[in-house]
Amino acid sequence: MNWFVICMMVLMVGLGFLILSGKGDNLIAGYNMASKEEREKVNVKRLRLLIAILLFLCGALMPLLTVELMGGLAYAFIILVASFVVVYLANTWAMKK
């Protein structure tokens, strides 16, 4: 495994813990630019959990990029599907009723 993959794994897992701890809300795209009224409609704890899980998944699957046969394609497909699921859940499950 090369150094780039290891550094990216550490970065993604570190950002996941930062967001999960509540100190990285400004790193969440869309949430950081929302107005105060729009932020009140969002369950922030659930949104943090979703984004942190996505970052942990990206970091954990990063070694797939080093696999010769279809590793990069598999990584891209898994992350694409996971991103769609996170966007859907962020707009349904992470919203206040």
PDB file of N, CA and C in Angstrom:
ATOM      1  N   MET A   1       0.862  -1.173   0.000  1.00  0.00           N
ATOM      2  CA  MET A   1       0.000   0.000   0.000  1.00  0.00           C
ATOM      3  C   MET A   1       0.912   1.241   0.000  1.00  0.00           C
ATOM      4  N   ASN A   2       0.580   2.189  -0.849  1.00  0.00           N
ATOM      5  CA  ASN A   2       1.454   3.350  -0.948  1.00  0.00           C
ATOM      6  C   ASN A   2       1.079   4.423   0.087  1.00  0.00           C
ATOM      7  N   TRP A   3       1.938   5.401   0.220  1.00  0.00           N
ATOM      8  CA  TRP A   3       1.780   6.426   1.254  1.00  0.00           C
ATOM      9  C   TRP A   3       0.570   7.314   1.022  1.00  0.00           C
ATOM     10  N   PHE A   4       0.236   7.558  -0.231  1.00  0.00           N
ATOM     11  CA  PHE A   4      -0.928   8.400  -0.521  1.00  0.00           C
ATOM     12  C   PHE A   4      -2.200   7.780   0.020  1.00  0.00           C
ATOM     13  N   VAL A   5      -2.367   6.490  -0.191  1.00  0.00           N
ATOM     14  CA  VAL A   5      -3.568   5.796   0.289  1.00  0.00           C
ATOM     15  C   VAL A   5      -3.618   5.828   1.810  1.00  0.00           C
ATOM     16  N   ILE A   6      -2.498   5.607   2.460  1.00  0.00           N
ATOM     17  CA  ILE A   6      -2.462   5.629   3.921  1.00  0.00           C
ATOM     18  C   ILE A   6      -2.794   7.018   4.449  1.00  0.00           C
ATOM     19  N   CYS A   7      -2.229   8.046   3.836  1.00  0.00           N
ATOM     20  CA  CYS A   7      -2.523   9.428   4.268  1.00  0.00           C
ATOM     21  C   CYS A   7      -3.994   9.775   4.075  1.00  0.00           C
ATOM     22  N   MET A   8      -4.571   9.359   2.960  1.00  0.00           N
ATOM     23  CA  MET A   8      -5.992   9.630   2.717  1.00  0.00           C
ATOM     24  C   MET A   8      -6.875   8.876   3.705  1.00  0.00           C
ATOM     25  N   MET A   9      -6.496   7.652   4.044  1.00  0.00           N
ATOM     26  CA  MET A   9      -7.260   6.891   5.038  1.00  0.00           C
ATOM     27  C   MET A   9      -7.262   7.616   6.384  1.00  0.00           C
ATOM     28  N   VAL A  10      -6.088   8.051   6.817  1.00  0.00           N
ATOM     29  CA  VAL A  10      -5.969   8.749   8.094  1.00  0.00           C
ATOM     30  C   VAL A  10      -6.746  10.063   8.060  1.00  0.00           C
ATOM     31  N   LEU A  11      -6.670  10.783   6.946  1.00  0.00           N
ATOM     32  CA  LEU A  11      -7.380  12.052   6.817  1.00  0.00           C
ATOM     33  C   LEU A  11      -8.893  11.860   6.895  1.00  0.00           C
ATOM     34  N   MET A  12      -9.411  10.880   6.180  1.00  0.00           N
ATOM     35  CA  MET A  12     -10.862  10.663   6.170  1.00  0.00           C
ATOM     36  C   MET A  12     -11.375  10.188   7.524  1.00  0.00           C
ATOM     37  N   VAL A  13     -10.668   9.286   8.145  1.00  0.00           N
ATOM     38  CA  VAL A  13     -11.093   8.815   9.466  1.00  0.00           C
ATOM     39  C   VAL A  13     -10.977   9.952  10.485  1.00  0.00           C
ATOM     40  N   GLY A  14      -9.925  10.746  10.396  1.00  0.00           N
ATOM     41  CA  GLY A  14      -9.769  11.893  11.296  1.00  0.00           C
ATOM     42  C   GLY A  14     -10.882  12.914  11.121  1.00  0.00           C
ATOM     43  N   LEU A  15     -11.244  13.211   9.877  1.00  0.00           N
ATOM     44  CA  LEU A  15     -12.348  14.137   9.629  1.00  0.00           C
ATOM     45  C   LEU A  15     -13.667  13.559  10.112  1.00  0.00           C
ATOM     46  N   GLY A  16     -13.825  12.244   9.990  1.00  0.00           N
ATOM     47  CA  GLY A  16     -15.033  11.593  10.504  1.00  0.00           C
ATOM     48  C   GLY A  16     -15.172  11.788  12.006  1.00  0.00           C
ATOM     49  N   PHE A  17     -14.074  11.601  12.736  1.00  0.00           N
ATOM     50  CA  PHE A  17     -14.113  11.808  14.185  1.00  0.00           C
ATOM     51  C   PHE A  17     -14.325  13.279  14.537  1.00  0.00           C
ATOM     52  N   LEU A  18     -13.746  14.174  13.750  1.00  0.00           N
ATOM     53  CA  LEU A  18     -13.927  15.609  13.992  1.00  0.00           C
ATOM     54  C   LEU A  18     -15.387  16.005  13.821  1.00  0.00           C
ATOM     55  N   ILE A  19     -16.031  15.529  12.783  1.00  0.00           N
ATOM     56  CA  ILE A  19     -17.441  15.860  12.544  1.00  0.00           C
ATOM     57  C   ILE A  19     -18.323  15.185  13.576  1.00  0.00           C
ATOM     58  N   LEU A  20     -18.020  13.947  13.919  1.00  0.00           N
ATOM     59  CA  LEU A  20     -18.811  13.213  14.897  1.00  0.00           C
ATOM     60  C   LEU A  20     -18.740  13.858  16.281  1.00  0.00           C
ATOM     61  N   SER A  21     -17.611  14.489  16.592  1.00  0.00           N
ATOM     62  CA  SER A  21     -17.469  15.147  17.889  1.00  0.00           C
ATOM     63  C   SER A  21     -18.233  16.462  17.968  1.00  0.00           C
ATOM     64  N   GLY A  22     -18.679  16.978  16.831  1.00  0.00           N
ATOM     65  CA  GLY A  22     -19.447  18.216  16.820  1.00  0.00           C
ATOM     66  C   GLY A  22     -18.621  19.456  16.577  1.00  0.00           C
ATOM     67  N   LYS A  23     -17.342  19.293  16.327  1.00  0.00           N
ATOM     68  CA  LYS A  23     -16.469  20.444  16.116  1.00  0.00           C
ATOM     69  C   LYS A  23     -16.216  20.747  14.648  1.00  0.00           C
ATOM     70  N   GLY A  24     -16.830  19.958  13.759  1.00  0.00           N
ATOM     71  CA  GLY A  24     -16.582  20.157  12.339  1.00  0.00           C
ATOM     72  C   GLY A  24     -17.831  20.442  11.541  1.00  0.00           C
ATOM     73  N   ASP A  25     -18.824  21.060  12.174  1.00  0.00           N
ATOM     74  CA  ASP A  25     -20.070  21.349  11.460  1.00  0.00           C
ATOM     75  C   ASP A  25     -19.855  22.242  10.248  1.00  0.00           C
ATOM     76  N   ASN A  26     -18.860  23.107  10.301  1.00  0.00           N
ATOM     77  CA  ASN A  26     -18.599  23.996   9.171  1.00  0.00           C
ATOM     78  C   ASN A  26     -17.985  23.265   7.991  1.00  0.00           C
ATOM     79  N   LEU A  27     -17.608  22.011   8.170  1.00  0.00           N
ATOM     80  CA  LEU A  27     -17.049  21.228   7.079  1.00  0.00           C
ATOM     81  C   LEU A  27     -18.123  20.491   6.289  1.00  0.00           C
ATOM     82  N   ILE A  28     -19.353  20.489   6.777  1.00  0.00           N
ATOM     83  CA  ILE A  28     -20.445  19.793   6.106  1.00  0.00           C
ATOM     84  C   ILE A  28     -20.998  20.709   5.016  1.00  0.00           C
ATOM     85  N   ALA A  29     -20.863  20.261   3.782  1.00  0.00           N
ATOM     86  CA  ALA A  29     -21.305  21.066   2.642  1.00  0.00           C
ATOM     87  C   ALA A  29     -22.807  21.288   2.697  1.00  0.00           C
ATOM     88  N   GLY A  30     -23.229  22.489   2.466  1.00  0.00           N
ATOM     89  CA  GLY A  30     -24.645  22.834   2.489  1.00  0.00           C
ATOM     90  C   GLY A  30     -25.083  23.323   3.853  1.00  0.00           C
ATOM     91  N   TYR A  31     -24.655  22.635   4.885  1.00  0.00           N
ATOM     92  CA  TYR A  31     -25.042  23.036   6.237  1.00  0.00           C
ATOM     93  C   TYR A  31     -24.302  24.301   6.656  1.00  0.00           C
ATOM     94  N   ASN A  32     -23.055  24.422   6.229  1.00  0.00           N
ATOM     95  CA  ASN A  32     -22.271  25.591   6.642  1.00  0.00           C
ATOM     96  C   ASN A  32     -22.755  26.882   5.989  1.00  0.00           C
ATOM     97  N   MET A  33     -23.444  26.790   4.862  1.00  0.00           N
ATOM     98  CA  MET A  33     -23.929  27.989   4.182  1.00  0.00           C
ATOM     99  C   MET A  33     -25.419  28.253   4.424  1.00  0.00           C
ATOM    100  N   ALA A  34     -26.058  27.376   5.178  1.00  0.00           N
ATOM    101  CA  ALA A  34     -27.496  27.518   5.414  1.00  0.00           C
ATOM    102  C   ALA A  34     -27.774  28.677   6.365  1.00  0.00           C
ATOM    103  N   SER A  35     -28.938  29.267   6.191  1.00  0.00           N
ATOM    104  CA  SER A  35     -29.332  30.337   7.099  1.00  0.00           C
ATOM    105  C   SER A  35     -29.733  29.734   8.443  1.00  0.00           C
ATOM    106  N   LYS A  36     -29.914  30.592   9.423  1.00  0.00           N
ATOM    107  CA  LYS A  36     -30.261  30.117  10.761  1.00  0.00           C
ATOM    108  C   LYS A  36     -31.607  29.386  10.751  1.00  0.00           C
ATOM    109  N   GLU A  37     -32.550  29.868   9.949  1.00  0.00           N
ATOM    110  CA  GLU A  37     -33.872  29.224   9.863  1.00  0.00           C
ATOM    111  C   GLU A  37     -33.757  27.830   9.246  1.00  0.00           C
ATOM    112  N   GLU A  38     -32.906  27.697   8.229  1.00  0.00           N
ATOM    113  CA  GLU A  38     -32.723  26.395   7.594  1.00  0.00           C
ATOM    114  C   GLU A  38     -31.993  25.422   8.515  1.00  0.00           C
ATOM    115  N   ARG A  39     -31.038  25.927   9.300  1.00  0.00           N
ATOM    116  CA  ARG A  39     -30.314  25.065  10.240  1.00  0.00           C
ATOM    117  C   ARG A  39     -31.227  24.533  11.344  1.00  0.00           C
ATOM    118  N   GLU A  40     -32.240  25.302  11.698  1.00  0.00           N
ATOM    119  CA  GLU A  40     -33.157  24.853  12.739  1.00  0.00           C
ATOM    120  C   GLU A  40     -34.028  23.698  12.269  1.00  0.00           C
ATOM    121  N   LYS A  41     -34.147  23.496  10.971  1.00  0.00           N
ATOM    122  CA  LYS A  41     -34.946  22.397  10.420  1.00  0.00           C
ATOM    123  C   LYS A  41     -34.183  21.070  10.398  1.00  0.00           C
ATOM    124  N   VAL A  42     -32.889  21.110  10.675  1.00  0.00           N
ATOM    125  CA  VAL A  42     -32.039  19.927  10.558  1.00  0.00           C
ATOM    126  C   VAL A  42     -31.711  19.372  11.936  1.00  0.00           C
ATOM    127  N   ASN A  43     -31.817  18.046  12.066  1.00  0.00           N
ATOM    128  CA  ASN A  43     -31.353  17.367  13.263  1.00  0.00           C
ATOM    129  C   ASN A  43     -29.840  17.179  13.097  1.00  0.00           C
ATOM    130  N   VAL A  44     -29.071  18.024  13.752  1.00  0.00           N
ATOM    131  CA  VAL A  44     -27.635  18.094  13.524  1.00  0.00           C
ATOM    132  C   VAL A  44     -26.931  16.803  13.953  1.00  0.00           C
ATOM    133  N   LYS A  45     -27.381  16.179  15.020  1.00  0.00           N
ATOM    134  CA  LYS A  45     -26.730  14.955  15.482  1.00  0.00           C
ATOM    135  C   LYS A  45     -26.857  13.846  14.447  1.00  0.00           C
ATOM    136  N   ARG A  46     -28.018  13.733  13.834  1.00  0.00           N
ATOM    137  CA  ARG A  46     -28.207  12.711  12.805  1.00  0.00           C
ATOM    138  C   ARG A  46     -27.396  13.031  11.556  1.00  0.00           C
ATOM    139  N   LEU A  47     -27.329  14.308  11.191  1.00  0.00           N
ATOM    140  CA  LEU A  47     -26.547  14.707  10.022  1.00  0.00           C
ATOM    141  C   LEU A  47     -25.068  14.424  10.250  1.00  0.00           C
ATOM    142  N   ARG A  48     -24.575  14.741  11.447  1.00  0.00           N
ATOM    143  CA  ARG A  48     -23.180  14.439  11.777  1.00  0.00           C
ATOM    144  C   ARG A  48     -22.904  12.944  11.672  1.00  0.00           C
ATOM    145  N   LEU A  49     -23.824  12.141  12.181  1.00  0.00           N
ATOM    146  CA  LEU A  49     -23.650  10.695  12.142  1.00  0.00           C
ATOM    147  C   LEU A  49     -23.577  10.189  10.699  1.00  0.00           C
ATOM    148  N   LEU A  50     -24.447  10.682   9.846  1.00  0.00           N
ATOM    149  CA  LEU A  50     -24.442  10.272   8.443  1.00  0.00           C
ATOM    150  C   LEU A  50     -23.137  10.632   7.743  1.00  0.00           C
ATOM    151  N   ILE A  51     -22.691  11.851   7.929  1.00  0.00           N
ATOM    152  CA  ILE A  51     -21.467  12.301   7.269  1.00  0.00           C
ATOM    153  C   ILE A  51     -20.259  11.550   7.820  1.00  0.00           C
ATOM    154  N   ALA A  52     -20.234  11.325   9.128  1.00  0.00           N
ATOM    155  CA  ALA A  52     -19.116  10.592   9.723  1.00  0.00           C
ATOM    156  C   ALA A  52     -19.074   9.151   9.212  1.00  0.00           C
ATOM    157  N   ILE A  53     -20.219   8.506   9.091  1.00  0.00           N
ATOM    158  CA  ILE A  53     -20.247   7.141   8.567  1.00  0.00           C
ATOM    159  C   ILE A  53     -19.733   7.105   7.139  1.00  0.00           C
ATOM    160  N   LEU A  54     -20.127   8.081   6.337  1.00  0.00           N
ATOM    161  CA  LEU A  54     -19.633   8.134   4.956  1.00  0.00           C
ATOM    162  C   LEU A  54     -18.112   8.318   4.918  1.00  0.00           C
ATOM    163  N   LEU A  55     -17.588   9.169   5.768  1.00  0.00           N
ATOM    164  CA  LEU A  55     -16.134   9.369   5.804  1.00  0.00           C
ATOM    165  C   LEU A  55     -15.410   8.121   6.296  1.00  0.00           C
ATOM    166  N   PHE A  56     -15.970   7.446   7.298  1.00  0.00           N
ATOM    167  CA  PHE A  56     -15.364   6.200   7.777  1.00  0.00           C
ATOM    168  C   PHE A  56     -15.379   5.141   6.678  1.00  0.00           C
ATOM    169  N   LEU A  57     -16.476   5.068   5.935  1.00  0.00           N
ATOM    170  CA  LEU A  57     -16.576   4.105   4.842  1.00  0.00           C
ATOM    171  C   LEU A  57     -15.545   4.414   3.757  1.00  0.00           C
ATOM    172  N   CYS A  58     -15.408   5.683   3.411  1.00  0.00           N
ATOM    173  CA  CYS A  58     -14.414   6.070   2.404  1.00  0.00           C
ATOM    174  C   CYS A  58     -13.004   5.701   2.865  1.00  0.00           C
ATOM    175  N   GLY A  59     -12.717   5.954   4.122  1.00  0.00           N
ATOM    176  CA  GLY A  59     -11.393   5.625   4.650  1.00  0.00           C
ATOM    177  C   GLY A  59     -11.150   4.134   4.735  1.00  0.00           C
ATOM    178  N   ALA A  60     -12.162   3.393   5.157  1.00  0.00           N
ATOM    179  CA  ALA A  60     -11.996   1.949   5.308  1.00  0.00           C
ATOM    180  C   ALA A  60     -11.846   1.245   3.964  1.00  0.00           C
ATOM    181  N   LEU A  61     -12.481   1.756   2.944  1.00  0.00           N
ATOM    182  CA  LEU A  61     -12.419   1.120   1.627  1.00  0.00           C
ATOM    183  C   LEU A  61     -11.284   1.649   0.753  1.00  0.00           C
ATOM    184  N   MET A  62     -10.533   2.591   1.272  1.00  0.00           N
ATOM    185  CA  MET A  62      -9.432   3.174   0.500  1.00  0.00           C
ATOM    186  C   MET A  62      -8.424   2.128   0.007  1.00  0.00           C
ATOM    187  N   PRO A  63      -8.139   1.052   0.741  1.00  0.00           N
ATOM    188  CA  PRO A  63      -7.194   0.050   0.204  1.00  0.00           C
ATOM    189  C   PRO A  63      -7.675  -0.618  -1.081  1.00  0.00           C
ATOM    190  N   LEU A  64      -8.958  -0.510  -1.408  1.00  0.00           N
ATOM    191  CA  LEU A  64      -9.435  -1.054  -2.686  1.00  0.00           C
ATOM    192  C   LEU A  64      -8.762  -0.384  -3.875  1.00  0.00           C
ATOM    193  N   LEU A  65      -8.310   0.837  -3.673  1.00  0.00           N
ATOM    194  CA  LEU A  65      -7.659   1.552  -4.774  1.00  0.00           C
ATOM    195  C   LEU A  65      -6.334   0.918  -5.172  1.00  0.00           C
ATOM    196  N   THR A  66      -5.748   0.135  -4.277  1.00  0.00           N
ATOM    197  CA  THR A  66      -4.463  -0.492  -4.589  1.00  0.00           C
ATOM    198  C   THR A  66      -4.627  -1.844  -5.266  1.00  0.00           C
ATOM    199  N   VAL A  67      -5.843  -2.358  -5.342  1.00  0.00           N
ATOM    200  CA  VAL A  67      -6.086  -3.648  -5.987  1.00  0.00           C
ATOM    201  C   VAL A  67      -6.005  -3.464  -7.500  1.00  0.00           C
ATOM    202  N   GLU A  68      -5.288  -4.337  -8.136  1.00  0.00           N
ATOM    203  CA  GLU A  68      -5.055  -4.202  -9.577  1.00  0.00           C
ATOM    204  C   GLU A  68      -6.317  -4.400 -10.405  1.00  0.00           C
ATOM    205  N   LEU A  69      -7.061  -5.451 -10.146  1.00  0.00           N
ATOM    206  CA  LEU A  69      -8.201  -5.793 -10.991  1.00  0.00           C
ATOM    207  C   LEU A  69      -9.481  -5.132 -10.494  1.00  0.00           C
ATOM    208  N   MET A  70      -9.891  -4.093 -11.139  1.00  0.00           N
ATOM    209  CA  MET A  70     -11.176  -3.437 -10.889  1.00  0.00           C
ATOM    210  C   MET A  70     -11.305  -2.825  -9.493  1.00  0.00           C
ATOM    211  N   GLY A  71     -10.224  -2.625  -8.781  1.00  0.00           N
ATOM    212  CA  GLY A  71     -10.288  -2.076  -7.434  1.00  0.00           C
ATOM    213  C   GLY A  71     -10.805  -0.647  -7.412  1.00  0.00           C
ATOM    214  N   GLY A  72     -10.281   0.186  -8.281  1.00  0.00           N
ATOM    215  CA  GLY A  72     -10.715   1.580  -8.339  1.00  0.00           C
ATOM    216  C   GLY A  72     -12.158   1.719  -8.763  1.00  0.00           C
ATOM    217  N   LEU A  73     -12.574   0.875  -9.680  1.00  0.00           N
ATOM    218  CA  LEU A  73     -13.958   0.911 -10.142  1.00  0.00           C
ATOM    219  C   LEU A  73     -14.916   0.462  -9.039  1.00  0.00           C
ATOM    220  N   ALA A  74     -14.519  -0.562  -8.318  1.00  0.00           N
ATOM    221  CA  ALA A  74     -15.347  -1.032  -7.202  1.00  0.00           C
ATOM    222  C   ALA A  74     -15.455   0.043  -6.127  1.00  0.00           C
ATOM    223  N   TYR A  75     -14.337   0.699  -5.820  1.00  0.00           N
ATOM    224  CA  TYR A  75     -14.343   1.779  -4.826  1.00  0.00           C
ATOM    225  C   TYR A  75     -15.272   2.901  -5.269  1.00  0.00           C
ATOM    226  N   ALA A  76     -15.156   3.307  -6.508  1.00  0.00           N
ATOM    227  CA  ALA A  76     -15.986   4.402  -7.015  1.00  0.00           C
ATOM    228  C   ALA A  76     -17.466   4.039  -6.975  1.00  0.00           C
ATOM    229  N   PHE A  77     -17.797   2.823  -7.343  1.00  0.00           N
ATOM    230  CA  PHE A  77     -19.202   2.395  -7.334  1.00  0.00           C
ATOM    231  C   PHE A  77     -19.762   2.363  -5.914  1.00  0.00           C
ATOM    232  N   ILE A  78     -19.016   1.794  -4.979  1.00  0.00           N
ATOM    233  CA  ILE A  78     -19.486   1.708  -3.584  1.00  0.00           C
ATOM    234  C   ILE A  78     -19.666   3.098  -2.993  1.00  0.00           C
ATOM    235  N   ILE A  79     -18.718   3.982  -3.217  1.00  0.00           N
ATOM    236  CA  ILE A  79     -18.805   5.337  -2.656  1.00  0.00           C
ATOM    237  C   ILE A  79     -19.927   6.123  -3.324  1.00  0.00           C
ATOM    238  N   LEU A  80     -20.147   5.922  -4.609  1.00  0.00           N
ATOM    239  CA  LEU A  80     -21.246   6.596  -5.302  1.00  0.00           C
ATOM    240  C   LEU A  80     -22.592   6.167  -4.733  1.00  0.00           C
ATOM    241  N   VAL A  81     -22.782   4.877  -4.557  1.00  0.00           N
ATOM    242  CA  VAL A  81     -24.039   4.373  -3.985  1.00  0.00           C
ATOM    243  C   VAL A  81     -24.205   4.867  -2.555  1.00  0.00           C
ATOM    244  N   ALA A  82     -23.134   4.815  -1.760  1.00  0.00           N
ATOM    245  CA  ALA A  82     -23.201   5.285  -0.374  1.00  0.00           C
ATOM    246  C   ALA A  82     -23.511   6.781  -0.315  1.00  0.00           C
ATOM    247  N   SER A  83     -22.976   7.548  -1.241  1.00  0.00           N
ATOM    248  CA  SER A  83     -23.251   8.987  -1.264  1.00  0.00           C
ATOM    249  C   SER A  83     -24.711   9.270  -1.573  1.00  0.00           C
ATOM    250  N   PHE A  84     -25.286   8.526  -2.516  1.00  0.00           N
ATOM    251  CA  PHE A  84     -26.712   8.696  -2.803  1.00  0.00           C
ATOM    252  C   PHE A  84     -27.568   8.344  -1.587  1.00  0.00           C
ATOM    253  N   VAL A  85     -27.202   7.289  -0.882  1.00  0.00           N
ATOM    254  CA  VAL A  85     -27.944   6.897   0.321  1.00  0.00           C
ATOM    255  C   VAL A  85     -27.832   7.976   1.391  1.00  0.00           C
ATOM    256  N   VAL A  86     -26.644   8.532   1.573  1.00  0.00           N
ATOM    257  CA  VAL A  86     -26.453   9.582   2.575  1.00  0.00           C
ATOM    258  C   VAL A  86     -27.240  10.834   2.213  1.00  0.00           C
ATOM    259  N   VAL A  87     -27.250  11.219   0.948  1.00  0.00           N
ATOM    260  CA  VAL A  87     -28.017  12.397   0.532  1.00  0.00           C
ATOM    261  C   VAL A  87     -29.504  12.173   0.770  1.00  0.00           C
ATOM    262  N   TYR A  88     -29.996  10.988   0.442  1.00  0.00           N
ATOM    263  CA  TYR A  88     -31.408  10.677   0.668  1.00  0.00           C
ATOM    264  C   TYR A  88     -31.745  10.732   2.167  1.00  0.00           C
ATOM    265  N   LEU A  89     -30.917  10.090   2.977  1.00  0.00           N
ATOM    266  CA  LEU A  89     -31.177  10.081   4.422  1.00  0.00           C
ATOM    267  C   LEU A  89     -31.019  11.471   5.044  1.00  0.00           C
ATOM    268  N   ALA A  90     -30.107  12.267   4.512  1.00  0.00           N
ATOM    269  CA  ALA A  90     -29.927  13.625   5.033  1.00  0.00           C
ATOM    270  C   ALA A  90     -31.155  14.477   4.759  1.00  0.00           C
ATOM    271  N   ASN A  91     -31.859  14.190   3.676  1.00  0.00           N
ATOM    272  CA  ASN A  91     -33.048  14.968   3.345  1.00  0.00           C
ATOM    273  C   ASN A  91     -34.333  14.386   3.916  1.00  0.00           C
ATOM    274  N   THR A  92     -34.259  13.222   4.525  1.00  0.00           N
ATOM    275  CA  THR A  92     -35.456  12.616   5.130  1.00  0.00           C
ATOM    276  C   THR A  92     -35.241  12.372   6.616  1.00  0.00           C
ATOM    277  N   TRP A  93     -34.350  11.450   6.950  1.00  0.00           N
ATOM    278  CA  TRP A  93     -34.146  11.017   8.333  1.00  0.00           C
ATOM    279  C   TRP A  93     -33.506  12.104   9.201  1.00  0.00           C
ATOM    280  N   ALA A  94     -32.657  12.925   8.637  1.00  0.00           N
ATOM    281  CA  ALA A  94     -31.943  13.940   9.414  1.00  0.00           C
ATOM    282  C   ALA A  94     -32.696  15.273   9.502  1.00  0.00           C
ATOM    283  N   MET A  95     -33.905  15.320   9.003  1.00  0.00           N
ATOM    284  CA  MET A  95     -34.697  16.545   9.097  1.00  0.00           C
ATOM    285  C   MET A  95     -35.637  16.449  10.293  1.00  0.00           C
ATOM    286  N   LYS A  96     -35.851  17.569  10.954  1.00  0.00           N
ATOM    287  CA  LYS A  96     -36.797  17.605  12.057  1.00  0.00           C
ATOM    288  C   LYS A  96     -38.212  17.570  11.505  1.00  0.00           C
ATOM    289  N   LYS A  97     -39.073  16.949  12.221  1.00  0.00           N
ATOM    290  CA  LYS A  97     -40.479  16.832  11.782  1.00  0.00           C
ATOM    291  C   LYS A  97     -41.245  18.071  12.168  1.00  0.00           C
TER     292      LYS A  97
END
